[in-house]
Amino acid sequence: MKWFACLACLLPISMVDAQTIIDDDFDAAEVSGWIGSGNTRTFSEHNITQTESVITSEVIATQTNTNRSITSETSFEPSAAGGFSITFVVDNIGGQPGANGYFMGIVRDNDLFFRDATTKNFGLAFFGQDPRTGSVGGFGLIYGDNNGSAPSDFLLANSDEQGDVDINSFSDGFTATINVDPTGWSYEITGLSDAAASEKVFTDNGTWEEAGTDFATLFPESDTWFAIASLQVVAATTYTHSYDRITLVGGSNAGGGSGLQILSIEIDDQEVDPSATISWTSGANETYSLDYSTDLINWPEVEDSILSGGNTSEFALHFLPNYPELVGAPRVFFRIRKN
C-alpha cells in the first residue's frame, strides 16, 4: 500500500501546558519574521525568499567557507517557558555542508553569527567537524559550539551508535524535532537514510545530570533565544537551504525531554484495519490524552482517559472508520498529554 511510504514522516511530539511561540508554514506572500545572519566571509547576495509555502535562504558566496543562516525575529525565554520543542521541516539542502556544516536549533542572539564567542547555541549539527560537534559522518546534538576549534561545551549525543547518514537523503529534506525540559532532552529525525541508503528514524534522549550540567545553567533566567538554521559551504558558490515549516512550542515539559516522551509508533498496514500503536513513558496511576494533527495547527482529540500501564503505556489508534483522513496523509503528528 503506497500510503505507508509516509511512515518516515510520522513525528512524535509530547506536550504539557504548551504554548506556540513560532508556527510558520510560509504561506504568506512575503517573508515575515525571519532575518539573515552569518560569519564574516564575503558574499555578493544573501536572499531570503518565500514562494509556494517554502522559505529559502540563497547565498551567492564570493569567498570560501561562507556560513549564512535564517534566524527568527521572535525570541523566547527557555527558563520562563520551562522547556521547549522545536521542529524543522526541511524541504531541501542545496549545497554540500563543510567546515562547521549545517546547524539547526536555537541561538542566544539573532544579530550575531551563531558561533560568535559572545553567544551560545543549542541544536543539531550535521556533517561538521568531529572534534567540535561529533558530526563528521552524520550529526551531533550540541550545546555551545562557539569555542573556535575547541570542542563544544557539551556534546550530548551523536549518530555514531545509530550509523552514518546518507548525504543524498539529507539533501532531499527531512524533519527534525528537538525536545527540552528541566530534566533532559530528546530528539527525533525522520526522512533520512543511513549509509546503506536504508530509510531510518534517528532518535535518542538523555538527562542533564548525565551530561554533568543542569537546565538552569544552560538556559539562565532572562536569557532570550531565537530559532536558527545555518549552512556553511566550503566552495565559493551559490547554495541554498529551504523549509516547509518551522515550529517552536514552549511550556512545562513542552517537548517531553526525558520525562513524558513518545517512545515508538508501530504501523499495522493491513487494508481492512490499518492502525498505529503509540507507546510513551508514563507514571503509575496517571491518565493521558492522545491527539493527532496533519498540519500542526488543528489537534483533534482521540482519547482523553487512557489509563497508565506503569512506566510505559501504549494506545492502538485504528484509522478506520473514524479517522479516514490519516490513510494516505503525507504527514501525521501525535501528541500525548498528561491529564
C-alpha atoms as a PDB file:
ATOM      1  CA  MET A   1       0.000   0.000   0.000  1.00  0.00           C
ATOM      2  CA  LYS A   2       1.664   3.188  -1.196  1.00  0.00           C
ATOM      3  CA  TRP A   3       0.474   5.386   1.630  1.00  0.00           C
ATOM      4  CA  PHE A   4       2.762   3.613   4.069  1.00  0.00           C
ATOM      5  CA  ALA A   5       5.655   5.411   2.421  1.00  0.00           C
ATOM      6  CA  CYS A   6       4.716   8.182   4.872  1.00  0.00           C
ATOM      7  CA  LEU A   7       5.976   6.040   7.774  1.00  0.00           C
ATOM      8  CA  ALA A   8       9.177   8.090   7.990  1.00  0.00           C
ATOM      9  CA  CYS A   9       7.070  11.262   8.308  1.00  0.00           C
ATOM     10  CA  LEU A  10       5.340  10.181  11.497  1.00  0.00           C
ATOM     11  CA  LEU A  11       6.671  12.661  14.021  1.00  0.00           C
ATOM     12  CA  PRO A  12       6.114  12.071  17.726  1.00  0.00           C
ATOM     13  CA  ILE A  13       5.679  15.107  19.942  1.00  0.00           C
ATOM     14  CA  SER A  14       4.537  15.012  23.552  1.00  0.00           C
ATOM     15  CA  MET A  15       3.486  18.269  25.195  1.00  0.00           C
ATOM     16  CA  VAL A  16       2.140  19.501  28.506  1.00  0.00           C
ATOM     17  CA  ASP A  17       0.993  23.090  29.211  1.00  0.00           C
ATOM     18  CA  ALA A  18       2.311  24.068  25.765  1.00  0.00           C
ATOM     19  CA  GLN A  19       2.143  27.460  24.109  1.00  0.00           C
ATOM     20  CA  THR A  20       3.005  28.170  20.491  1.00  0.00           C
ATOM     21  CA  ILE A  21       5.842  30.666  20.033  1.00  0.00           C
ATOM     22  CA  ILE A  22       6.549  30.149  16.317  1.00  0.00           C
ATOM     23  CA  ASP A  23       4.429  28.262  13.824  1.00  0.00           C
ATOM     24  CA  ASP A  24       5.328  29.372  10.302  1.00  0.00           C
ATOM     25  CA  ASP A  25       4.192  27.371   7.272  1.00  0.00           C
ATOM     26  CA  PHE A  26       5.447  30.151   4.962  1.00  0.00           C
ATOM     27  CA  ASP A  27       2.125  30.563   3.173  1.00  0.00           C
ATOM     28  CA  ALA A  28       2.316  34.369   3.201  1.00  0.00           C
ATOM     29  CA  ALA A  29       3.194  36.278   0.042  1.00  0.00           C
ATOM     30  CA  GLU A  30       6.308  37.826   1.608  1.00  0.00           C
ATOM     31  CA  VAL A  31       8.903  36.828   4.183  1.00  0.00           C
ATOM     32  CA  SER A  32       7.981  37.989   7.671  1.00  0.00           C
ATOM     33  CA  GLY A  33       9.686  37.262  10.980  1.00  0.00           C
ATOM     34  CA  TRP A  34      12.985  35.905   9.594  1.00  0.00           C
ATOM     35  CA  ILE A  35      16.330  37.630   9.022  1.00  0.00           C
ATOM     36  CA  GLY A  36      19.739  36.649   7.679  1.00  0.00           C
ATOM     37  CA  SER A  37      22.974  36.459   9.640  1.00  0.00           C
ATOM     38  CA  GLY A  38      26.323  34.709   9.347  1.00  0.00           C
ATOM     39  CA  ASN A  39      30.083  34.766   9.575  1.00  0.00           C
ATOM     40  CA  THR A  40      32.433  37.428   8.223  1.00  0.00           C
ATOM     41  CA  ARG A  41      33.246  35.707   4.917  1.00  0.00           C
ATOM     42  CA  THR A  42      32.300  37.806   1.895  1.00  0.00           C
ATOM     43  CA  PHE A  43      29.294  37.209  -0.335  1.00  0.00           C
ATOM     44  CA  SER A  44      27.576  39.210  -3.042  1.00  0.00           C
ATOM     45  CA  GLU A  45      23.991  38.330  -2.096  1.00  0.00           C
ATOM     46  CA  HIS A  46      22.040  36.620   0.671  1.00  0.00           C
ATOM     47  CA  ASN A  47      18.410  36.393  -0.391  1.00  0.00           C
ATOM     48  CA  ILE A  48      15.618  35.079   1.824  1.00  0.00           C
ATOM     49  CA  THR A  49      12.544  34.418  -0.273  1.00  0.00           C
ATOM     50  CA  GLN A  50       9.175  32.763   0.213  1.00  0.00           C
ATOM     51  CA  THR A  51       7.263  31.012  -2.580  1.00  0.00           C
ATOM     52  CA  GLU A  52       4.809  28.102  -2.752  1.00  0.00           C
ATOM     53  CA  SER A  53       4.813  27.669   1.052  1.00  0.00           C
ATOM     54  CA  VAL A  54       8.604  27.291   1.224  1.00  0.00           C
ATOM     55  CA  ILE A  55      11.138  29.726   2.682  1.00  0.00           C
ATOM     56  CA  THR A  56      14.573  29.651   1.034  1.00  0.00           C
ATOM     57  CA  SER A  57      17.931  31.081   2.041  1.00  0.00           C
ATOM     58  CA  GLU A  58      20.077  31.620  -1.067  1.00  0.00           C
ATOM     59  CA  VAL A  59      23.693  32.706  -0.729  1.00  0.00           C
ATOM     60  CA  ILE A  60      25.921  33.772  -3.594  1.00  0.00           C
ATOM     61  CA  ALA A  61      29.334  33.394  -1.962  1.00  0.00           C
ATOM     62  CA  THR A  62      32.406  35.157  -3.333  1.00  0.00           C
ATOM     63  CA  GLN A  63      34.738  33.710  -0.694  1.00  0.00           C
ATOM     64  CA  THR A  64      35.213  30.171   0.556  1.00  0.00           C
ATOM     65  CA  ASN A  65      33.677  28.918   3.843  1.00  0.00           C
ATOM     66  CA  THR A  66      30.724  31.312   3.850  1.00  0.00           C
ATOM     67  CA  ASN A  67      28.217  30.398   6.574  1.00  0.00           C
ATOM     68  CA  ARG A  68      24.784  32.073   6.436  1.00  0.00           C
ATOM     69  CA  SER A  69      21.580  31.448   8.363  1.00  0.00           C
ATOM     70  CA  ILE A  70      17.934  32.309   8.657  1.00  0.00           C
ATOM     71  CA  THR A  71      17.122  33.401  12.200  1.00  0.00           C
ATOM     72  CA  SER A  72      13.791  34.236  13.792  1.00  0.00           C
ATOM     73  CA  GLU A  73      12.900  37.739  14.890  1.00  0.00           C
ATOM     74  CA  THR A  74      10.698  36.161  17.556  1.00  0.00           C
ATOM     75  CA  SER A  75      12.504  35.322  20.790  1.00  0.00           C
ATOM     76  CA  PHE A  76      11.607  33.312  23.877  1.00  0.00           C
ATOM     77  CA  GLU A  77      12.997  32.530  27.318  1.00  0.00           C
ATOM     78  CA  PRO A  78      13.519  28.772  27.792  1.00  0.00           C
ATOM     79  CA  SER A  79      13.763  29.253  31.555  1.00  0.00           C
ATOM     80  CA  ALA A  80      10.451  31.114  31.798  1.00  0.00           C
ATOM     81  CA  ALA A  81       8.789  28.658  29.421  1.00  0.00           C
ATOM     82  CA  GLY A  82      10.046  25.690  31.426  1.00  0.00           C
ATOM     83  CA  GLY A  83      11.127  23.830  28.297  1.00  0.00           C
ATOM     84  CA  PHE A  84      10.514  23.807  24.571  1.00  0.00           C
ATOM     85  CA  SER A  85      10.085  21.711  21.438  1.00  0.00           C
ATOM     86  CA  ILE A  86      11.392  22.947  18.096  1.00  0.00           C
ATOM     87  CA  THR A  87      10.656  21.296  14.748  1.00  0.00           C
ATOM     88  CA  PHE A  88      12.223  21.965  11.347  1.00  0.00           C
ATOM     89  CA  VAL A  89      10.530  20.505   8.279  1.00  0.00           C
ATOM     90  CA  VAL A  90      13.393  20.770   5.783  1.00  0.00           C
ATOM     91  CA  ASP A  91      12.430  20.949   2.104  1.00  0.00           C
ATOM     92  CA  ASN A  92      15.921  20.860   0.583  1.00  0.00           C
ATOM     93  CA  ILE A  93      19.598  21.438   1.339  1.00  0.00           C
ATOM     94  CA  GLY A  94      21.138  22.770  -1.860  1.00  0.00           C
ATOM     95  CA  GLY A  95      24.808  22.685  -1.008  1.00  0.00           C
ATOM     96  CA  GLN A  96      27.485  20.343   0.363  1.00  0.00           C
ATOM     97  CA  PRO A  97      27.976  21.105   4.096  1.00  0.00           C
ATOM     98  CA  GLY A  98      31.583  21.678   5.076  1.00  0.00           C
ATOM     99  CA  ALA A  99      33.708  23.092   7.925  1.00  0.00           C
ATOM    100  CA  ASN A 100      31.022  23.969  10.541  1.00  0.00           C
ATOM    101  CA  GLY A 101      28.480  22.021   8.466  1.00  0.00           C
ATOM    102  CA  TYR A 102      24.751  22.570   8.830  1.00  0.00           C
ATOM    103  CA  PHE A 103      23.132  23.645  12.123  1.00  0.00           C
ATOM    104  CA  MET A 104      19.508  23.797  13.296  1.00  0.00           C
ATOM    105  CA  GLY A 105      18.283  24.760  16.735  1.00  0.00           C
ATOM    106  CA  ILE A 106      18.314  27.933  18.817  1.00  0.00           C
ATOM    107  CA  VAL A 107      20.821  30.749  19.389  1.00  0.00           C
ATOM    108  CA  ARG A 108      21.039  33.346  22.159  1.00  0.00           C
ATOM    109  CA  ASP A 109      21.455  36.334  19.812  1.00  0.00           C
ATOM    110  CA  ASN A 110      19.945  36.886  16.368  1.00  0.00           C
ATOM    111  CA  ASP A 111      22.231  39.735  15.290  1.00  0.00           C
ATOM    112  CA  LEU A 112      25.463  37.727  15.628  1.00  0.00           C
ATOM    113  CA  PHE A 113      26.985  34.740  13.866  1.00  0.00           C
ATOM    114  CA  PHE A 114      25.703  31.740  15.839  1.00  0.00           C
ATOM    115  CA  ARG A 115      29.297  30.633  16.600  1.00  0.00           C
ATOM    116  CA  ASP A 116      30.401  34.049  17.867  1.00  0.00           C
ATOM    117  CA  ALA A 117      32.346  33.741  21.123  1.00  0.00           C
ATOM    118  CA  THR A 118      29.925  36.062  22.911  1.00  0.00           C
ATOM    119  CA  THR A 119      26.820  33.955  22.319  1.00  0.00           C
ATOM    120  CA  LYS A 120      25.631  30.358  22.820  1.00  0.00           C
ATOM    121  CA  ASN A 121      23.793  27.857  20.673  1.00  0.00           C
ATOM    122  CA  PHE A 122      21.951  24.575  21.153  1.00  0.00           C
ATOM    123  CA  GLY A 123      20.853  22.135  18.486  1.00  0.00           C
ATOM    124  CA  LEU A 124      21.806  19.561  15.868  1.00  0.00           C
ATOM    125  CA  ALA A 125      24.966  19.943  13.778  1.00  0.00           C
ATOM    126  CA  PHE A 126      25.248  17.879  10.577  1.00  0.00           C
ATOM    127  CA  PHE A 127      28.378  16.987   8.600  1.00  0.00           C
ATOM    128  CA  GLY A 128      30.608  19.318  10.598  1.00  0.00           C
ATOM    129  CA  GLN A 129      33.909  18.806  12.401  1.00  0.00           C
ATOM    130  CA  ASP A 130      34.107  15.714  14.578  1.00  0.00           C
ATOM    131  CA  PRO A 131      36.302  17.152  17.389  1.00  0.00           C
ATOM    132  CA  ARG A 132      33.818  20.005  17.886  1.00  0.00           C
ATOM    133  CA  THR A 133      30.383  18.561  17.157  1.00  0.00           C
ATOM    134  CA  GLY A 134      30.844  14.800  16.587  1.00  0.00           C
ATOM    135  CA  SER A 135      29.049  15.174  13.274  1.00  0.00           C
ATOM    136  CA  VAL A 136      31.517  14.352  10.508  1.00  0.00           C
ATOM    137  CA  GLY A 137      29.520  11.413   9.095  1.00  0.00           C
ATOM    138  CA  GLY A 138      26.111  12.387  10.374  1.00  0.00           C
ATOM    139  CA  PHE A 139      25.051  14.663  13.222  1.00  0.00           C
ATOM    140  CA  GLY A 140      25.636  15.648  16.829  1.00  0.00           C
ATOM    141  CA  LEU A 141      23.389  17.253  19.437  1.00  0.00           C
ATOM    142  CA  ILE A 142      25.459  20.011  20.986  1.00  0.00           C
ATOM    143  CA  TYR A 143      25.383  22.995  23.335  1.00  0.00           C
ATOM    144  CA  GLY A 144      27.913  25.818  22.982  1.00  0.00           C
ATOM    145  CA  ASP A 145      29.696  25.252  19.684  1.00  0.00           C
ATOM    146  CA  ASN A 146      31.294  28.683  19.874  1.00  0.00           C
ATOM    147  CA  ASN A 147      34.784  27.866  21.145  1.00  0.00           C
ATOM    148  CA  GLY A 148      36.754  28.297  17.921  1.00  0.00           C
ATOM    149  CA  SER A 149      38.392  24.979  17.025  1.00  0.00           C
ATOM    150  CA  ALA A 150      37.843  23.591  20.543  1.00  0.00           C
ATOM    151  CA  PRO A 151      35.022  21.127  21.338  1.00  0.00           C
ATOM    152  CA  SER A 152      31.513  22.330  22.129  1.00  0.00           C
ATOM    153  CA  ASP A 153      30.707  22.907  25.789  1.00  0.00           C
ATOM    154  CA  PHE A 154      28.552  19.764  25.712  1.00  0.00           C
ATOM    155  CA  LEU A 155      28.325  17.040  23.078  1.00  0.00           C
ATOM    156  CA  LEU A 156      25.127  15.397  24.295  1.00  0.00           C
ATOM    157  CA  ALA A 157      24.721  12.745  21.600  1.00  0.00           C
ATOM    158  CA  ASN A 158      25.668  11.909  18.032  1.00  0.00           C
ATOM    159  CA  SER A 159      24.827   9.453  15.299  1.00  0.00           C
ATOM    160  CA  ASP A 160      27.848   7.176  15.811  1.00  0.00           C
ATOM    161  CA  GLU A 161      25.923   4.371  17.526  1.00  0.00           C
ATOM    162  CA  GLN A 162      22.990   4.656  15.109  1.00  0.00           C
ATOM    163  CA  GLY A 163      25.138   4.845  11.967  1.00  0.00           C
ATOM    164  CA  ASP A 164      26.219   7.494   9.476  1.00  0.00           C
ATOM    165  CA  VAL A 165      23.727   9.462   7.395  1.00  0.00           C
ATOM    166  CA  ASP A 166      23.363   9.208   3.617  1.00  0.00           C
ATOM    167  CA  ILE A 167      24.174  12.691   2.287  1.00  0.00           C
ATOM    168  CA  ASN A 168      21.690  12.343  -0.581  1.00  0.00           C
ATOM    169  CA  SER A 169      18.764  11.756   1.791  1.00  0.00           C
ATOM    170  CA  PHE A 170      19.931  14.770   3.811  1.00  0.00           C
ATOM    171  CA  SER A 171      19.889  16.971   0.711  1.00  0.00           C
ATOM    172  CA  ASP A 172      16.382  15.794  -0.234  1.00  0.00           C
ATOM    173  CA  GLY A 173      14.882  17.085   3.025  1.00  0.00           C
ATOM    174  CA  PHE A 174      13.859  15.655   6.381  1.00  0.00           C
ATOM    175  CA  THR A 175      12.066  16.531   9.618  1.00  0.00           C
ATOM    176  CA  ALA A 176      13.838  17.034  12.940  1.00  0.00           C
ATOM    177  CA  THR A 177      12.390  17.744  16.382  1.00  0.00           C
ATOM    178  CA  ILE A 178      14.437  18.661  19.456  1.00  0.00           C
ATOM    179  CA  ASN A 179      12.726  18.497  22.855  1.00  0.00           C
ATOM    180  CA  VAL A 180      13.983  20.044  26.098  1.00  0.00           C
ATOM    181  CA  ASP A 181      12.597  20.144  29.635  1.00  0.00           C
ATOM    182  CA  PRO A 182      14.161  20.800  33.062  1.00  0.00           C
ATOM    183  CA  THR A 183      15.225  17.153  33.396  1.00  0.00           C
ATOM    184  CA  GLY A 184      16.740  16.474  29.979  1.00  0.00           C
ATOM    185  CA  TRP A 185      16.490  16.325  26.205  1.00  0.00           C
ATOM    186  CA  SER A 186      15.347  14.149  23.337  1.00  0.00           C
ATOM    187  CA  TYR A 187      15.348  14.344  19.550  1.00  0.00           C
ATOM    188  CA  GLU A 188      13.830  12.528  16.595  1.00  0.00           C
ATOM    189  CA  ILE A 189      14.863  12.836  12.941  1.00  0.00           C
ATOM    190  CA  THR A 190      12.745  11.278  10.202  1.00  0.00           C
ATOM    191  CA  GLY A 191      13.153  11.211   6.426  1.00  0.00           C
ATOM    192  CA  LEU A 192      16.875  10.379   6.475  1.00  0.00           C
ATOM    193  CA  SER A 193      18.627   7.205   5.333  1.00  0.00           C
ATOM    194  CA  ASP A 194      21.693   5.514   6.780  1.00  0.00           C
ATOM    195  CA  ALA A 195      24.942   4.974   4.898  1.00  0.00           C
ATOM    196  CA  ALA A 196      23.424   1.894   3.233  1.00  0.00           C
ATOM    197  CA  ALA A 197      20.618   4.086   1.839  1.00  0.00           C
ATOM    198  CA  SER A 198      18.018   2.421   4.079  1.00  0.00           C
ATOM    199  CA  GLU A 199      15.414   4.799   5.497  1.00  0.00           C
ATOM    200  CA  LYS A 200      15.797   5.135   9.249  1.00  0.00           C
ATOM    201  CA  VAL A 201      14.409   7.053  12.222  1.00  0.00           C
ATOM    202  CA  PHE A 202      17.210   8.547  14.320  1.00  0.00           C
ATOM    203  CA  THR A 203      16.227   9.165  17.948  1.00  0.00           C
ATOM    204  CA  ASP A 204      17.807   9.452  21.390  1.00  0.00           C
ATOM    205  CA  ASN A 205      17.262  11.043  24.803  1.00  0.00           C
ATOM    206  CA  GLY A 206      19.185  11.797  27.973  1.00  0.00           C
ATOM    207  CA  THR A 207      19.292  13.851  31.151  1.00  0.00           C
ATOM    208  CA  TRP A 208      21.208  16.991  32.047  1.00  0.00           C
ATOM    209  CA  GLU A 209      22.554  15.173  35.101  1.00  0.00           C
ATOM    210  CA  GLU A 210      24.140  12.549  32.851  1.00  0.00           C
ATOM    211  CA  ALA A 211      25.778  15.363  30.895  1.00  0.00           C
ATOM    212  CA  GLY A 212      27.184  16.930  34.070  1.00  0.00           C
ATOM    213  CA  THR A 213      25.091  20.090  33.962  1.00  0.00           C
ATOM    214  CA  ASP A 214      21.555  21.330  34.562  1.00  0.00           C
ATOM    215  CA  PHE A 215      18.780  23.198  32.772  1.00  0.00           C
ATOM    216  CA  ALA A 216      19.210  26.416  34.786  1.00  0.00           C
ATOM    217  CA  THR A 217      22.915  26.638  33.921  1.00  0.00           C
ATOM    218  CA  LEU A 218      22.362  26.158  30.205  1.00  0.00           C
ATOM    219  CA  PHE A 219      19.287  28.382  29.961  1.00  0.00           C
ATOM    220  CA  PRO A 220      19.598  31.052  32.702  1.00  0.00           C
ATOM    221  CA  GLU A 221      16.711  33.254  33.739  1.00  0.00           C
ATOM    222  CA  SER A 222      16.000  36.223  31.435  1.00  0.00           C
ATOM    223  CA  ASP A 223      18.151  34.779  28.617  1.00  0.00           C
ATOM    224  CA  THR A 224      16.342  35.186  25.290  1.00  0.00           C
ATOM    225  CA  TRP A 225      16.874  32.715  22.450  1.00  0.00           C
ATOM    226  CA  PHE A 226      15.909  32.578  18.755  1.00  0.00           C
ATOM    227  CA  ALA A 227      15.255  29.821  16.223  1.00  0.00           C
ATOM    228  CA  ILE A 228      18.044  29.374  13.664  1.00  0.00           C
ATOM    229  CA  ALA A 229      19.113  27.226  10.713  1.00  0.00           C
ATOM    230  CA  SER A 230      22.549  27.803   9.161  1.00  0.00           C
ATOM    231  CA  LEU A 231      24.629  26.226   6.391  1.00  0.00           C
ATOM    232  CA  GLN A 232      28.346  26.535   5.656  1.00  0.00           C
ATOM    233  CA  VAL A 233      29.702  25.540   2.239  1.00  0.00           C
ATOM    234  CA  VAL A 234      33.451  25.424   1.591  1.00  0.00           C
ATOM    235  CA  ALA A 235      33.381  26.400  -2.097  1.00  0.00           C
ATOM    236  CA  ALA A 236      32.764  29.947  -3.289  1.00  0.00           C
ATOM    237  CA  THR A 237      29.472  29.138  -4.972  1.00  0.00           C
ATOM    238  CA  THR A 238      25.710  29.618  -4.818  1.00  0.00           C
ATOM    239  CA  TYR A 239      23.909  27.449  -2.269  1.00  0.00           C
ATOM    240  CA  THR A 240      20.500  27.229  -0.622  1.00  0.00           C
ATOM    241  CA  HIS A 241      18.553  25.720   2.272  1.00  0.00           C
ATOM    242  CA  SER A 242      14.746  25.618   2.292  1.00  0.00           C
ATOM    243  CA  TYR A 243      11.957  24.854   4.793  1.00  0.00           C
ATOM    244  CA  ASP A 244       8.293  23.853   4.596  1.00  0.00           C
ATOM    245  CA  ARG A 245       7.588  24.661   8.230  1.00  0.00           C
ATOM    246  CA  ILE A 246       9.317  25.715  11.443  1.00  0.00           C
ATOM    247  CA  THR A 247       7.563  25.461  14.801  1.00  0.00           C
ATOM    248  CA  LEU A 248       8.671  26.363  18.317  1.00  0.00           C
ATOM    249  CA  VAL A 249       6.494  25.436  21.281  1.00  0.00           C
ATOM    250  CA  GLY A 250       7.274  26.359  24.889  1.00  0.00           C
ATOM    251  CA  GLY A 251       5.843  25.164  28.164  1.00  0.00           C
ATOM    252  CA  SER A 252       6.318  22.864  31.121  1.00  0.00           C
ATOM    253  CA  ASN A 253       7.599  19.596  29.626  1.00  0.00           C
ATOM    254  CA  ALA A 254       6.956  21.146  26.193  1.00  0.00           C
ATOM    255  CA  GLY A 255       8.956  18.548  24.362  1.00  0.00           C
ATOM    256  CA  GLY A 256       8.890  15.725  26.820  1.00  0.00           C
ATOM    257  CA  GLY A 257      12.654  15.838  27.445  1.00  0.00           C
ATOM    258  CA  SER A 258      13.478  12.650  29.291  1.00  0.00           C
ATOM    259  CA  GLY A 259      10.108  12.720  31.109  1.00  0.00           C
ATOM    260  CA  LEU A 260       6.840  12.415  29.158  1.00  0.00           C
ATOM    261  CA  GLN A 261       8.028  11.145  25.800  1.00  0.00           C
ATOM    262  CA  ILE A 262       6.730   9.102  22.896  1.00  0.00           C
ATOM    263  CA  LEU A 263       8.928   6.017  22.592  1.00  0.00           C
ATOM    264  CA  SER A 264       7.688   4.417  19.393  1.00  0.00           C
ATOM    265  CA  ILE A 265       4.998   4.342  16.739  1.00  0.00           C
ATOM    266  CA  GLU A 266       4.303   0.972  15.157  1.00  0.00           C
ATOM    267  CA  ILE A 267       2.277   0.742  11.965  1.00  0.00           C
ATOM    268  CA  ASP A 268      -0.026  -2.159  11.043  1.00  0.00           C
ATOM    269  CA  ASP A 269      -0.591  -1.806   7.303  1.00  0.00           C
ATOM    270  CA  GLN A 270      -3.404  -4.275   6.758  1.00  0.00           C
ATOM    271  CA  GLU A 271      -6.059  -2.951   4.369  1.00  0.00           C
ATOM    272  CA  VAL A 272      -9.080  -3.905   6.480  1.00  0.00           C
ATOM    273  CA  ASP A 273      -7.918  -2.291   9.734  1.00  0.00           C
ATOM    274  CA  PRO A 274      -4.850  -0.023   9.354  1.00  0.00           C
ATOM    275  CA  SER A 275      -3.636   1.323  12.679  1.00  0.00           C
ATOM    276  CA  ALA A 276      -0.818   2.959  14.631  1.00  0.00           C
ATOM    277  CA  THR A 277       0.228   1.834  18.104  1.00  0.00           C
ATOM    278  CA  ILE A 278       1.814   4.668  20.077  1.00  0.00           C
ATOM    279  CA  SER A 279       3.867   3.971  23.220  1.00  0.00           C
ATOM    280  CA  TRP A 280       5.219   6.531  25.680  1.00  0.00           C
ATOM    281  CA  THR A 281       6.829   6.949  29.094  1.00  0.00           C
ATOM    282  CA  SER A 282       4.270   7.261  31.873  1.00  0.00           C
ATOM    283  CA  GLY A 283       3.756   7.399  35.620  1.00  0.00           C
ATOM    284  CA  ALA A 284       1.851   4.992  37.822  1.00  0.00           C
ATOM    285  CA  ASN A 285      -1.871   5.726  38.264  1.00  0.00           C
ATOM    286  CA  GLU A 286      -1.804   8.606  35.768  1.00  0.00           C
ATOM    287  CA  THR A 287      -4.225   9.129  32.879  1.00  0.00           C
ATOM    288  CA  TYR A 288      -3.345  10.553  29.476  1.00  0.00           C
ATOM    289  CA  SER A 289      -4.934  12.088  26.406  1.00  0.00           C
ATOM    290  CA  LEU A 290      -3.915  11.434  22.796  1.00  0.00           C
ATOM    291  CA  ASP A 291      -4.302  13.960  19.945  1.00  0.00           C
ATOM    292  CA  TYR A 292      -3.262  13.878  16.309  1.00  0.00           C
ATOM    293  CA  SER A 293      -2.630  16.501  13.637  1.00  0.00           C
ATOM    294  CA  THR A 294      -1.862  16.648   9.947  1.00  0.00           C
ATOM    295  CA  ASP A 295      -0.876  20.327   9.958  1.00  0.00           C
ATOM    296  CA  LEU A 296       0.425  21.163  13.483  1.00  0.00           C
ATOM    297  CA  ILE A 297      -2.463  23.633  13.829  1.00  0.00           C
ATOM    298  CA  ASN A 298      -5.583  21.555  14.432  1.00  0.00           C
ATOM    299  CA  TRP A 299      -5.333  18.795  17.064  1.00  0.00           C
ATOM    300  CA  PRO A 300      -8.430  16.534  17.179  1.00  0.00           C
ATOM    301  CA  GLU A 301      -8.602  14.512  20.373  1.00  0.00           C
ATOM    302  CA  VAL A 302      -8.624  10.733  20.001  1.00  0.00           C
ATOM    303  CA  GLU A 303      -8.973   9.702  23.649  1.00  0.00           C
ATOM    304  CA  ASP A 304      -8.989  11.638  26.935  1.00  0.00           C
ATOM    305  CA  SER A 305      -8.758   8.929  29.604  1.00  0.00           C
ATOM    306  CA  ILE A 306      -6.020   6.439  28.757  1.00  0.00           C
ATOM    307  CA  LEU A 307      -5.006   4.687  31.982  1.00  0.00           C
ATOM    308  CA  SER A 308      -1.282   4.349  32.638  1.00  0.00           C
ATOM    309  CA  GLY A 309       0.278   0.943  32.100  1.00  0.00           C
ATOM    310  CA  GLY A 310       3.065   1.707  34.575  1.00  0.00           C
ATOM    311  CA  ASN A 311       6.446   3.044  33.463  1.00  0.00           C
ATOM    312  CA  THR A 312       5.291   2.818  29.852  1.00  0.00           C
ATOM    313  CA  SER A 313       1.851   2.983  28.247  1.00  0.00           C
ATOM    314  CA  GLU A 314       0.509   2.356  24.765  1.00  0.00           C
ATOM    315  CA  PHE A 315      -2.601   3.008  22.714  1.00  0.00           C
ATOM    316  CA  ALA A 316      -3.712   1.483  19.399  1.00  0.00           C
ATOM    317  CA  LEU A 317      -5.313   4.057  17.100  1.00  0.00           C
ATOM    318  CA  HIS A 318      -7.423   2.393  14.399  1.00  0.00           C
ATOM    319  CA  PHE A 319      -7.690   4.721  11.409  1.00  0.00           C
ATOM    320  CA  LEU A 320     -10.990   3.323  10.144  1.00  0.00           C
ATOM    321  CA  PRO A 321     -13.803   4.121  10.298  1.00  0.00           C
ATOM    322  CA  ASN A 322     -13.345   7.261  12.459  1.00  0.00           C
ATOM    323  CA  TYR A 323     -10.094   8.709  11.076  1.00  0.00           C
ATOM    324  CA  PRO A 324     -10.036   8.108   7.293  1.00  0.00           C
ATOM    325  CA  GLU A 325      -8.013  11.304   6.808  1.00  0.00           C
ATOM    326  CA  LEU A 326      -4.982   9.510   8.275  1.00  0.00           C
ATOM    327  CA  VAL A 327      -4.988   6.953   5.471  1.00  0.00           C
ATOM    328  CA  GLY A 328      -2.684   8.399   2.826  1.00  0.00           C
ATOM    329  CA  ALA A 329      -1.855  11.557   4.790  1.00  0.00           C
ATOM    330  CA  PRO A 330       1.612  12.818   3.759  1.00  0.00           C
ATOM    331  CA  ARG A 331       2.489  13.701   7.356  1.00  0.00           C
ATOM    332  CA  VAL A 332       0.932  12.821  10.729  1.00  0.00           C
ATOM    333  CA  PHE A 333       1.808  14.187  14.170  1.00  0.00           C
ATOM    334  CA  PHE A 334       0.857  12.702  17.531  1.00  0.00           C
ATOM    335  CA  ARG A 335       0.723  14.445  20.894  1.00  0.00           C
ATOM    336  CA  ILE A 336       0.457  12.918  24.390  1.00  0.00           C
ATOM    337  CA  ARG A 337      -0.895  14.996  27.276  1.00  0.00           C
ATOM    338  CA  LYS A 338      -0.927  14.062  30.963  1.00  0.00           C
ATOM    339  CA  ASN A 339      -4.335  14.818  32.483  1.00  0.00           C
END
